[in-house]
């Protein structure tokens, strides 16, 4: 969604654009209301997270799954970015040598 808006502005200005995204969950991934509240706004308070765990220890499983899925998405994103950088480097070298 955000990528489409940036792509549109770049296209209007003739600027090259490439988006690489990693997704850490699926449409079927359910998050408890407590976890949704903790994650809203983009910043997670350690104090609030600990408080939520004390009130509802079952959240630990959700925290661990979220951490695992986020790490996997980050590794996939890093691999994709390395590929993009390598491809761009090869293309640049090819243009220079021609």
PDB file of N, CA and C in Angstrom:
ATOM      1  N   UNK A   1       0.816  -1.188   0.000  1.00  0.00           N
ATOM      2  CA  UNK A   1       0.000   0.000   0.000  1.00  0.00           C
ATOM      3  C   UNK A   1       0.864   1.257   0.000  1.00  0.00           C
ATOM      4  N   UNK A   2       1.765   1.320   0.977  1.00  0.00           N
ATOM      5  CA  UNK A   2       2.640   2.489   1.042  1.00  0.00           C
ATOM      6  C   UNK A   2       3.558   2.525  -0.173  1.00  0.00           C
ATOM      7  N   UNK A   3       3.974   1.350  -0.614  1.00  0.00           N
ATOM      8  CA  UNK A   3       4.880   1.264  -1.759  1.00  0.00           C
ATOM      9  C   UNK A   3       4.235   1.827  -3.014  1.00  0.00           C
ATOM     10  N   UNK A   4       2.948   1.596  -3.181  1.00  0.00           N
ATOM     11  CA  UNK A   4       2.251   2.086  -4.373  1.00  0.00           C
ATOM     12  C   UNK A   4       2.261   3.605  -4.428  1.00  0.00           C
ATOM     13  N   UNK A   5       2.081   4.251  -3.296  1.00  0.00           N
ATOM     14  CA  UNK A   5       2.099   5.717  -3.260  1.00  0.00           C
ATOM     15  C   UNK A   5       3.480   6.255  -3.613  1.00  0.00           C
ATOM     16  N   UNK A   6       4.517   5.639  -3.075  1.00  0.00           N
ATOM     17  CA  UNK A   6       5.885   6.066  -3.376  1.00  0.00           C
ATOM     18  C   UNK A   6       6.200   5.798  -4.841  1.00  0.00           C
ATOM     19  N   UNK A   7       5.771   4.646  -5.361  1.00  0.00           N
ATOM     20  CA  UNK A   7       5.997   4.313  -6.774  1.00  0.00           C
ATOM     21  C   UNK A   7       5.347   5.338  -7.689  1.00  0.00           C
ATOM     22  N   UNK A   8       4.157   5.772  -7.332  1.00  0.00           N
ATOM     23  CA  UNK A   8       3.450   6.762  -8.148  1.00  0.00           C
ATOM     24  C   UNK A   8       4.204   8.089  -8.197  1.00  0.00           C
ATOM     25  N   UNK A   9       4.679   8.553  -7.056  1.00  0.00           N
ATOM     26  CA  UNK A   9       5.435   9.809  -7.011  1.00  0.00           C
ATOM     27  C   UNK A   9       6.727   9.671  -7.814  1.00  0.00           C
ATOM     28  N   UNK A  10       7.396   8.539  -7.662  1.00  0.00           N
ATOM     29  CA  UNK A  10       8.641   8.325  -8.417  1.00  0.00           C
ATOM     30  C   UNK A  10       8.372   8.307  -9.918  1.00  0.00           C
ATOM     31  N   UNK A  11       7.298   7.656 -10.322  1.00  0.00           N
ATOM     32  CA  UNK A  11       6.956   7.598 -11.745  1.00  0.00           C
ATOM     33  C   UNK A  11       6.684   8.990 -12.290  1.00  0.00           C
ATOM     34  N   UNK A  12       5.980   9.806 -11.521  1.00  0.00           N
ATOM     35  CA  UNK A  12       5.681  11.177 -11.950  1.00  0.00           C
ATOM     36  C   UNK A  12       6.955  11.984 -12.152  1.00  0.00           C
ATOM     37  N   UNK A  13       7.981  11.687 -11.358  1.00  0.00           N
ATOM     38  CA  UNK A  13       9.220  12.457 -11.410  1.00  0.00           C
ATOM     39  C   UNK A  13      10.329  11.774 -12.218  1.00  0.00           C
ATOM     40  N   UNK A  14      10.013  10.621 -12.793  1.00  0.00           N
ATOM     41  CA  UNK A  14      10.998   9.907 -13.597  1.00  0.00           C
ATOM     42  C   UNK A  14      12.121   9.299 -12.779  1.00  0.00           C
ATOM     43  N   UNK A  15      11.836   8.969 -11.543  1.00  0.00           N
ATOM     44  CA  UNK A  15      12.836   8.391 -10.641  1.00  0.00           C
ATOM     45  C   UNK A  15      12.637   6.878 -10.594  1.00  0.00           C
ATOM     46  N   UNK A  16      13.736   6.145 -10.724  1.00  0.00           N
ATOM     47  CA  UNK A  16      13.649   4.685 -10.629  1.00  0.00           C
ATOM     48  C   UNK A  16      13.155   4.296  -9.241  1.00  0.00           C
ATOM     49  N   UNK A  17      12.386   3.217  -9.195  1.00  0.00           N
ATOM     50  CA  UNK A  17      11.812   2.787  -7.921  1.00  0.00           C
ATOM     51  C   UNK A  17      11.761   1.273  -7.879  1.00  0.00           C
ATOM     52  N   UNK A  18      12.085   0.736  -6.735  1.00  0.00           N
ATOM     53  CA  UNK A  18      11.972  -0.694  -6.498  1.00  0.00           C
ATOM     54  C   UNK A  18      11.554  -0.885  -5.052  1.00  0.00           C
ATOM     55  N   UNK A  19      10.578  -1.722  -4.832  1.00  0.00           N
ATOM     56  CA  UNK A  19      10.134  -2.029  -3.469  1.00  0.00           C
ATOM     57  C   UNK A  19      10.422  -3.488  -3.178  1.00  0.00           C
ATOM     58  N   UNK A  20      10.974  -3.736  -2.027  1.00  0.00           N
ATOM     59  CA  UNK A  20      11.192  -5.096  -1.547  1.00  0.00           C
ATOM     60  C   UNK A  20      10.523  -5.170  -0.181  1.00  0.00           C
ATOM     61  N   UNK A  21       9.611  -6.107  -0.043  1.00  0.00           N
ATOM     62  CA  UNK A  21       8.862  -6.206   1.207  1.00  0.00           C
ATOM     63  C   UNK A  21       8.976  -7.613   1.757  1.00  0.00           C
ATOM     64  N   UNK A  22       8.925  -7.716   3.060  1.00  0.00           N
ATOM     65  CA  UNK A  22       8.876  -9.009   3.735  1.00  0.00           C
ATOM     66  C   UNK A  22       7.658  -9.006   4.643  1.00  0.00           C
ATOM     67  N   UNK A  23       6.932 -10.081   4.629  1.00  0.00           N
ATOM     68  CA  UNK A  23       5.719 -10.189   5.426  1.00  0.00           C
ATOM     69  C   UNK A  23       5.959 -11.219   6.520  1.00  0.00           C
ATOM     70  N   UNK A  24       5.620 -10.840   7.745  1.00  0.00           N
ATOM     71  CA  UNK A  24       5.887 -11.733   8.872  1.00  0.00           C
ATOM     72  C   UNK A  24       4.667 -12.538   9.304  1.00  0.00           C
ATOM     73  N   UNK A  25       3.516 -12.287   8.702  1.00  0.00           N
ATOM     74  CA  UNK A  25       2.336 -13.062   9.057  1.00  0.00           C
ATOM     75  C   UNK A  25       1.433 -13.201   7.842  1.00  0.00           C
ATOM     76  N   UNK A  26       0.439 -14.052   7.975  1.00  0.00           N
ATOM     77  CA  UNK A  26      -0.516 -14.257   6.894  1.00  0.00           C
ATOM     78  C   UNK A  26      -1.845 -13.638   7.285  1.00  0.00           C
ATOM     79  N   UNK A  27      -2.751 -13.614   6.342  1.00  0.00           N
ATOM     80  CA  UNK A  27      -4.077 -13.073   6.617  1.00  0.00           C
ATOM     81  C   UNK A  27      -4.783 -13.916   7.677  1.00  0.00           C
ATOM     82  N   UNK A  28      -4.389 -15.168   7.805  1.00  0.00           N
ATOM     83  CA  UNK A  28      -5.015 -16.074   8.776  1.00  0.00           C
ATOM     84  C   UNK A  28      -4.387 -16.000  10.165  1.00  0.00           C
ATOM     85  N   UNK A  29      -3.297 -15.248  10.314  1.00  0.00           N
ATOM     86  CA  UNK A  29      -2.626 -15.158  11.605  1.00  0.00           C
ATOM     87  C   UNK A  29      -3.470 -14.309  12.546  1.00  0.00           C
ATOM     88  N   UNK A  30      -3.864 -14.937  13.635  1.00  0.00           N
ATOM     89  CA  UNK A  30      -4.698 -14.225  14.612  1.00  0.00           C
ATOM     90  C   UNK A  30      -3.820 -13.639  15.713  1.00  0.00           C
ATOM     91  N   UNK A  31      -4.095 -12.414  16.073  1.00  0.00           N
ATOM     92  CA  UNK A  31      -3.430 -11.776  17.204  1.00  0.00           C
ATOM     93  C   UNK A  31      -4.484 -11.462  18.261  1.00  0.00           C
ATOM     94  N   UNK A  32      -4.145 -11.729  19.502  1.00  0.00           N
ATOM     95  CA  UNK A  32      -5.086 -11.427  20.577  1.00  0.00           C
ATOM     96  C   UNK A  32      -5.267  -9.913  20.683  1.00  0.00           C
ATOM     97  N   UNK A  33      -6.400  -9.480  21.196  1.00  0.00           N
ATOM     98  CA  UNK A  33      -6.624  -8.037  21.369  1.00  0.00           C
ATOM     99  C   UNK A  33      -5.541  -7.377  22.231  1.00  0.00           C
ATOM    100  N   UNK A  34      -5.042  -8.109  23.216  1.00  0.00           N
ATOM    101  CA  UNK A  34      -3.983  -7.558  24.077  1.00  0.00           C
ATOM    102  C   UNK A  34      -2.721  -7.265  23.266  1.00  0.00           C
ATOM    103  N   UNK A  35      -2.358  -8.208  22.400  1.00  0.00           N
ATOM    104  CA  UNK A  35      -1.154  -8.013  21.582  1.00  0.00           C
ATOM    105  C   UNK A  35      -1.360  -6.896  20.566  1.00  0.00           C
ATOM    106  N   UNK A  36      -2.533  -6.825  19.993  1.00  0.00           N
ATOM    107  CA  UNK A  36      -2.831  -5.745  19.039  1.00  0.00           C
ATOM    108  C   UNK A  36      -2.680  -4.394  19.724  1.00  0.00           C
ATOM    109  N   UNK A  37      -3.192  -4.272  20.946  1.00  0.00           N
ATOM    110  CA  UNK A  37      -3.059  -3.010  21.690  1.00  0.00           C
ATOM    111  C   UNK A  37      -1.593  -2.686  21.957  1.00  0.00           C
ATOM    112  N   UNK A  38      -0.816  -3.702  22.333  1.00  0.00           N
ATOM    113  CA  UNK A  38       0.602  -3.468  22.621  1.00  0.00           C
ATOM    114  C   UNK A  38       1.365  -3.022  21.382  1.00  0.00           C
ATOM    115  N   UNK A  39       0.985  -3.545  20.222  1.00  0.00           N
ATOM    116  CA  UNK A  39       1.714  -3.249  18.983  1.00  0.00           C
ATOM    117  C   UNK A  39       1.208  -2.004  18.268  1.00  0.00           C
ATOM    118  N   UNK A  40       0.044  -1.516  18.640  1.00  0.00           N
ATOM    119  CA  UNK A  40      -0.497  -0.353  17.937  1.00  0.00           C
ATOM    120  C   UNK A  40       0.402   0.861  18.177  1.00  0.00           C
ATOM    121  N   UNK A  41       0.575   1.641  17.153  1.00  0.00           N
ATOM    122  CA  UNK A  41       1.415   2.828  17.247  1.00  0.00           C
ATOM    123  C   UNK A  41       2.859   2.575  16.863  1.00  0.00           C
ATOM    124  N   UNK A  42       3.243   1.313  16.689  1.00  0.00           N
ATOM    125  CA  UNK A  42       4.588   1.004  16.219  1.00  0.00           C
ATOM    126  C   UNK A  42       5.657   0.911  17.275  1.00  0.00           C
ATOM    127  N   UNK A  43       5.411   1.420  18.460  1.00  0.00           N
ATOM    128  CA  UNK A  43       6.394   1.340  19.546  1.00  0.00           C
ATOM    129  C   UNK A  43       5.859   0.421  20.632  1.00  0.00           C
ATOM    130  N   UNK A  44       6.705  -0.511  21.061  1.00  0.00           N
ATOM    131  CA  UNK A  44       6.294  -1.441  22.104  1.00  0.00           C
ATOM    132  C   UNK A  44       7.001  -1.055  23.394  1.00  0.00           C
ATOM    133  N   UNK A  45       6.212  -0.829  24.404  1.00  0.00           N
ATOM    134  CA  UNK A  45       6.751  -0.510  25.725  1.00  0.00           C
ATOM    135  C   UNK A  45       7.088  -1.816  26.441  1.00  0.00           C
ATOM    136  N   UNK A  46       8.344  -1.959  26.863  1.00  0.00           N
ATOM    137  CA  UNK A  46       8.758  -3.159  27.589  1.00  0.00           C
ATOM    138  C   UNK A  46       7.947  -3.277  28.879  1.00  0.00           C
ATOM    139  N   UNK A  47       7.750  -2.162  29.546  1.00  0.00           N
ATOM    140  CA  UNK A  47       6.979  -2.172  30.794  1.00  0.00           C
ATOM    141  C   UNK A  47       5.559  -2.673  30.554  1.00  0.00           C
ATOM    142  N   UNK A  48       4.915  -2.177  29.516  1.00  0.00           N
ATOM    143  CA  UNK A  48       3.542  -2.607  29.213  1.00  0.00           C
ATOM    144  C   UNK A  48       3.511  -4.070  28.776  1.00  0.00           C
ATOM    145  N   UNK A  49       4.519  -4.490  28.019  1.00  0.00           N
ATOM    146  CA  UNK A  49       4.580  -5.889  27.588  1.00  0.00           C
ATOM    147  C   UNK A  49       4.739  -6.815  28.790  1.00  0.00           C
ATOM    148  N   UNK A  50       5.599  -6.460  29.722  1.00  0.00           N
ATOM    149  CA  UNK A  50       5.786  -7.267  30.933  1.00  0.00           C
ATOM    150  C   UNK A  50       4.505  -7.294  31.756  1.00  0.00           C
ATOM    151  N   UNK A  51       3.849  -6.164  31.867  1.00  0.00           N
ATOM    152  CA  UNK A  51       2.576  -6.103  32.585  1.00  0.00           C
ATOM    153  C   UNK A  51       1.531  -7.006  31.951  1.00  0.00           C
ATOM    154  N   UNK A  52       1.466  -6.981  30.624  1.00  0.00           N
ATOM    155  CA  UNK A  52       0.503  -7.824  29.913  1.00  0.00           C
ATOM    156  C   UNK A  52       0.815  -9.301  30.135  1.00  0.00           C
ATOM    157  N   UNK A  53       2.106  -9.649  30.143  1.00  0.00           N
ATOM    158  CA  UNK A  53       2.493 -11.046  30.397  1.00  0.00           C
ATOM    159  C   UNK A  53       2.150 -11.483  31.815  1.00  0.00           C
ATOM    160  N   UNK A  54       2.298 -10.583  32.761  1.00  0.00           N
ATOM    161  CA  UNK A  54       1.940 -10.918  34.140  1.00  0.00           C
ATOM    162  C   UNK A  54       0.429 -11.145  34.271  1.00  0.00           C
ATOM    163  N   UNK A  55      -0.348 -10.323  33.577  1.00  0.00           N
ATOM    164  CA  UNK A  55      -1.802 -10.460  33.632  1.00  0.00           C
ATOM    165  C   UNK A  55      -2.289 -11.682  32.852  1.00  0.00           C
ATOM    166  N   UNK A  56      -1.602 -11.974  31.740  1.00  0.00           N
ATOM    167  CA  UNK A  56      -2.036 -13.083  30.874  1.00  0.00           C
ATOM    168  C   UNK A  56      -0.801 -13.830  30.362  1.00  0.00           C
ATOM    169  N   UNK A  57      -0.300 -14.792  31.144  1.00  0.00           N
ATOM    170  CA  UNK A  57       0.904 -15.540  30.756  1.00  0.00           C
ATOM    171  C   UNK A  57       0.787 -16.258  29.408  1.00  0.00           C
ATOM    172  N   UNK A  58      -0.430 -16.554  28.970  1.00  0.00           N
ATOM    173  CA  UNK A  58      -0.608 -17.223  27.676  1.00  0.00           C
ATOM    174  C   UNK A  58      -0.108 -16.374  26.514  1.00  0.00           C
ATOM    175  N   UNK A  59       0.086 -15.076  26.731  1.00  0.00           N
ATOM    176  CA  UNK A  59       0.625 -14.198  25.681  1.00  0.00           C
ATOM    177  C   UNK A  59       2.056 -14.570  25.300  1.00  0.00           C
ATOM    178  N   UNK A  60       2.749 -15.270  26.192  1.00  0.00           N
ATOM    179  CA  UNK A  60       4.142 -15.640  25.908  1.00  0.00           C
ATOM    180  C   UNK A  60       4.249 -16.402  24.594  1.00  0.00           C
ATOM    181  N   UNK A  61       3.324 -17.313  24.349  1.00  0.00           N
ATOM    182  CA  UNK A  61       3.337 -18.065  23.085  1.00  0.00           C
ATOM    183  C   UNK A  61       3.205 -17.148  21.885  1.00  0.00           C
ATOM    184  N   UNK A  62       2.332 -16.152  21.994  1.00  0.00           N
ATOM    185  CA  UNK A  62       2.176 -15.196  20.895  1.00  0.00           C
ATOM    186  C   UNK A  62       3.436 -14.363  20.698  1.00  0.00           C
ATOM    187  N   UNK A  63       4.032 -13.923  21.810  1.00  0.00           N
ATOM    188  CA  UNK A  63       5.280 -13.157  21.724  1.00  0.00           C
ATOM    189  C   UNK A  63       6.370 -13.979  21.033  1.00  0.00           C
ATOM    190  N   UNK A  64       6.506 -15.231  21.419  1.00  0.00           N
ATOM    191  CA  UNK A  64       7.547 -16.089  20.839  1.00  0.00           C
ATOM    192  C   UNK A  64       7.293 -16.345  19.358  1.00  0.00           C
ATOM    193  N   UNK A  65       6.036 -16.604  18.985  1.00  0.00           N
ATOM    194  CA  UNK A  65       5.709 -16.815  17.570  1.00  0.00           C
ATOM    195  C   UNK A  65       5.978 -15.546  16.766  1.00  0.00           C
ATOM    196  N   UNK A  66       5.582 -14.403  17.315  1.00  0.00           N
ATOM    197  CA  UNK A  66       5.816 -13.128  16.636  1.00  0.00           C
ATOM    198  C   UNK A  66       7.306 -12.872  16.458  1.00  0.00           C
ATOM    199  N   UNK A  67       8.087 -13.163  17.486  1.00  0.00           N
ATOM    200  CA  UNK A  67       9.544 -12.981  17.392  1.00  0.00           C
ATOM    201  C   UNK A  67      10.132 -13.899  16.323  1.00  0.00           C
ATOM    202  N   UNK A  68       9.714 -15.163  16.320  1.00  0.00           N
ATOM    203  CA  UNK A  68      10.221 -16.127  15.329  1.00  0.00           C
ATOM    204  C   UNK A  68       9.863 -15.690  13.916  1.00  0.00           C
ATOM    205  N   UNK A  69       8.598 -15.331  13.704  1.00  0.00           N
ATOM    206  CA  UNK A  69       8.145 -14.943  12.368  1.00  0.00           C
ATOM    207  C   UNK A  69       8.804 -13.643  11.896  1.00  0.00           C
ATOM    208  N   UNK A  70       9.020 -12.721  12.821  1.00  0.00           N
ATOM    209  CA  UNK A  70       9.667 -11.453  12.476  1.00  0.00           C
ATOM    210  C   UNK A  70      11.135 -11.684  12.103  1.00  0.00           C
ATOM    211  N   UNK A  71      11.816 -12.549  12.842  1.00  0.00           N
ATOM    212  CA  UNK A  71      13.213 -12.868  12.510  1.00  0.00           C
ATOM    213  C   UNK A  71      13.308 -13.532  11.136  1.00  0.00           C
ATOM    214  N   UNK A  72      12.393 -14.445  10.849  1.00  0.00           N
ATOM    215  CA  UNK A  72      12.393 -15.103   9.544  1.00  0.00           C
ATOM    216  C   UNK A  72      12.153 -14.089   8.427  1.00  0.00           C
ATOM    217  N   UNK A  73      11.188 -13.202   8.620  1.00  0.00           N
ATOM    218  CA  UNK A  73      10.908 -12.174   7.609  1.00  0.00           C
ATOM    219  C   UNK A  73      12.123 -11.267   7.414  1.00  0.00           C
ATOM    220  N   UNK A  74      12.799 -10.920   8.506  1.00  0.00           N
ATOM    221  CA  UNK A  74      13.989 -10.060   8.405  1.00  0.00           C
ATOM    222  C   UNK A  74      15.106 -10.764   7.633  1.00  0.00           C
ATOM    223  N   UNK A  75      15.299 -12.059   7.890  1.00  0.00           N
ATOM    224  CA  UNK A  75      16.327 -12.806   7.143  1.00  0.00           C
ATOM    225  C   UNK A  75      15.985 -12.878   5.659  1.00  0.00           C
ATOM    226  N   UNK A  76      14.717 -13.112   5.355  1.00  0.00           N
ATOM    227  CA  UNK A  76      14.285 -13.156   3.949  1.00  0.00           C
ATOM    228  C   UNK A  76      14.475 -11.800   3.278  1.00  0.00           C
ATOM    229  N   UNK A  77      14.135 -10.742   3.993  1.00  0.00           N
ATOM    230  CA  UNK A  77      14.309  -9.393   3.456  1.00  0.00           C
ATOM    231  C   UNK A  77      15.784  -9.104   3.207  1.00  0.00           C
ATOM    232  N   UNK A  78      16.625  -9.465   4.151  1.00  0.00           N
ATOM    233  CA  UNK A  78      18.070  -9.245   3.983  1.00  0.00           C
ATOM    234  C   UNK A  78      18.594 -10.002   2.766  1.00  0.00           C
ATOM    235  N   UNK A  79      18.162 -11.238   2.606  1.00  0.00           N
ATOM    236  CA  UNK A  79      18.596 -12.020   1.442  1.00  0.00           C
ATOM    237  C   UNK A  79      18.135 -11.400   0.137  1.00  0.00           C
ATOM    238  N   UNK A  80      16.897 -10.932   0.118  1.00  0.00           N
ATOM    239  CA  UNK A  80      16.379 -10.291  -1.096  1.00  0.00           C
ATOM    240  C   UNK A  80      17.142  -9.012  -1.403  1.00  0.00           C
ATOM    241  N   UNK A  81      17.442  -8.222  -0.387  1.00  0.00           N
ATOM    242  CA  UNK A  81      18.177  -6.970  -0.598  1.00  0.00           C
ATOM    243  C   UNK A  81      19.597  -7.231  -1.095  1.00  0.00           C
ATOM    244  N   UNK A  82      20.231  -8.256  -0.554  1.00  0.00           N
ATOM    245  CA  UNK A  82      21.569  -8.615  -1.045  1.00  0.00           C
ATOM    246  C   UNK A  82      21.484  -8.989  -2.524  1.00  0.00           C
ATOM    247  N   UNK A  83      20.445  -9.742  -2.888  1.00  0.00           N
ATOM    248  CA  UNK A  83      20.264 -10.096  -4.292  1.00  0.00           C
ATOM    249  C   UNK A  83      20.058  -8.878  -5.172  1.00  0.00           C
ATOM    250  N   UNK A  84      19.248  -7.939  -4.722  1.00  0.00           N
ATOM    251  CA  UNK A  84      18.994  -6.705  -5.489  1.00  0.00           C
ATOM    252  C   UNK A  84      20.286  -5.916  -5.643  1.00  0.00           C
ATOM    253  N   UNK A  85      21.037  -5.788  -4.565  1.00  0.00           N
ATOM    254  CA  UNK A  85      22.299  -5.035  -4.614  1.00  0.00           C
ATOM    255  C   UNK A  85      23.281  -5.711  -5.555  1.00  0.00           C
ATOM    256  N   UNK A  86      23.384  -7.037  -5.462  1.00  0.00           N
ATOM    257  CA  UNK A  86      24.295  -7.760  -6.356  1.00  0.00           C
ATOM    258  C   UNK A  86      23.875  -7.612  -7.814  1.00  0.00           C
ATOM    259  N   UNK A  87      22.562  -7.722  -8.081  1.00  0.00           N
ATOM    260  CA  UNK A  87      22.069  -7.556  -9.450  1.00  0.00           C
ATOM    261  C   UNK A  87      22.371  -6.157  -9.974  1.00  0.00           C
ATOM    262  N   UNK A  88      22.159  -5.147  -9.134  1.00  0.00           N
ATOM    263  CA  UNK A  88      22.423  -3.759  -9.540  1.00  0.00           C
ATOM    264  C   UNK A  88      23.913  -3.551  -9.784  1.00  0.00           C
ATOM    265  N   UNK A  89      24.739  -4.146  -8.937  1.00  0.00           N
ATOM    266  CA  UNK A  89      26.188  -4.028  -9.101  1.00  0.00           C
ATOM    267  C   UNK A  89      26.625  -4.665 -10.418  1.00  0.00           C
ATOM    268  N   UNK A  90      26.086  -5.844 -10.726  1.00  0.00           N
ATOM    269  CA  UNK A  90      26.420  -6.506 -11.987  1.00  0.00           C
ATOM    270  C   UNK A  90      25.951  -5.689 -13.185  1.00  0.00           C
ATOM    271  N   UNK A  91      24.757  -5.135 -13.098  1.00  0.00           N
ATOM    272  CA  UNK A  91      24.227  -4.317 -14.195  1.00  0.00           C
ATOM    273  C   UNK A  91      25.077  -3.070 -14.394  1.00  0.00           C
ATOM    274  N   UNK A  92      25.488  -2.456 -13.302  1.00  0.00           N
ATOM    275  CA  UNK A  92      26.320  -1.250 -13.382  1.00  0.00           C
ATOM    276  C   UNK A  92      27.665  -1.582 -14.027  1.00  0.00           C
ATOM    277  N   UNK A  93      28.262  -2.697 -13.620  1.00  0.00           N
ATOM    278  CA  UNK A  93      29.542  -3.107 -14.215  1.00  0.00           C
ATOM    279  C   UNK A  93      29.396  -3.388 -15.699  1.00  0.00           C
ATOM    280  N   UNK A  94      28.286  -4.003 -16.078  1.00  0.00           N
ATOM    281  CA  UNK A  94      28.042  -4.300 -17.493  1.00  0.00           C
ATOM    282  C   UNK A  94      27.911  -3.012 -18.295  1.00  0.00           C
ATOM    283  N   UNK A  95      27.230  -2.010 -17.726  1.00  0.00           N
ATOM    284  CA  UNK A  95      27.081  -0.739 -18.446  1.00  0.00           C
ATOM    285  C   UNK A  95      28.429  -0.031 -18.590  1.00  0.00           C
ATOM    286  N   UNK A  96      29.262  -0.118 -17.562  1.00  0.00           N
ATOM    287  CA  UNK A  96      30.564   0.544 -17.586  1.00  0.00           C
ATOM    288  C   UNK A  96      31.473  -0.129 -18.608  1.00  0.00           C
ATOM    289  N   UNK A  97      31.416  -1.461 -18.703  1.00  0.00           N
ATOM    290  CA  UNK A  97      32.320  -2.170 -19.597  1.00  0.00           C
ATOM    291  C   UNK A  97      31.901  -2.083 -21.054  1.00  0.00           C
ATOM    292  N   UNK A  98      30.666  -1.665 -21.313  1.00  0.00           N
ATOM    293  CA  UNK A  98      30.193  -1.561 -22.713  1.00  0.00           C
ATOM    294  C   UNK A  98      30.560  -0.253 -23.320  1.00  0.00           C
TER     295      UNK A  98
END
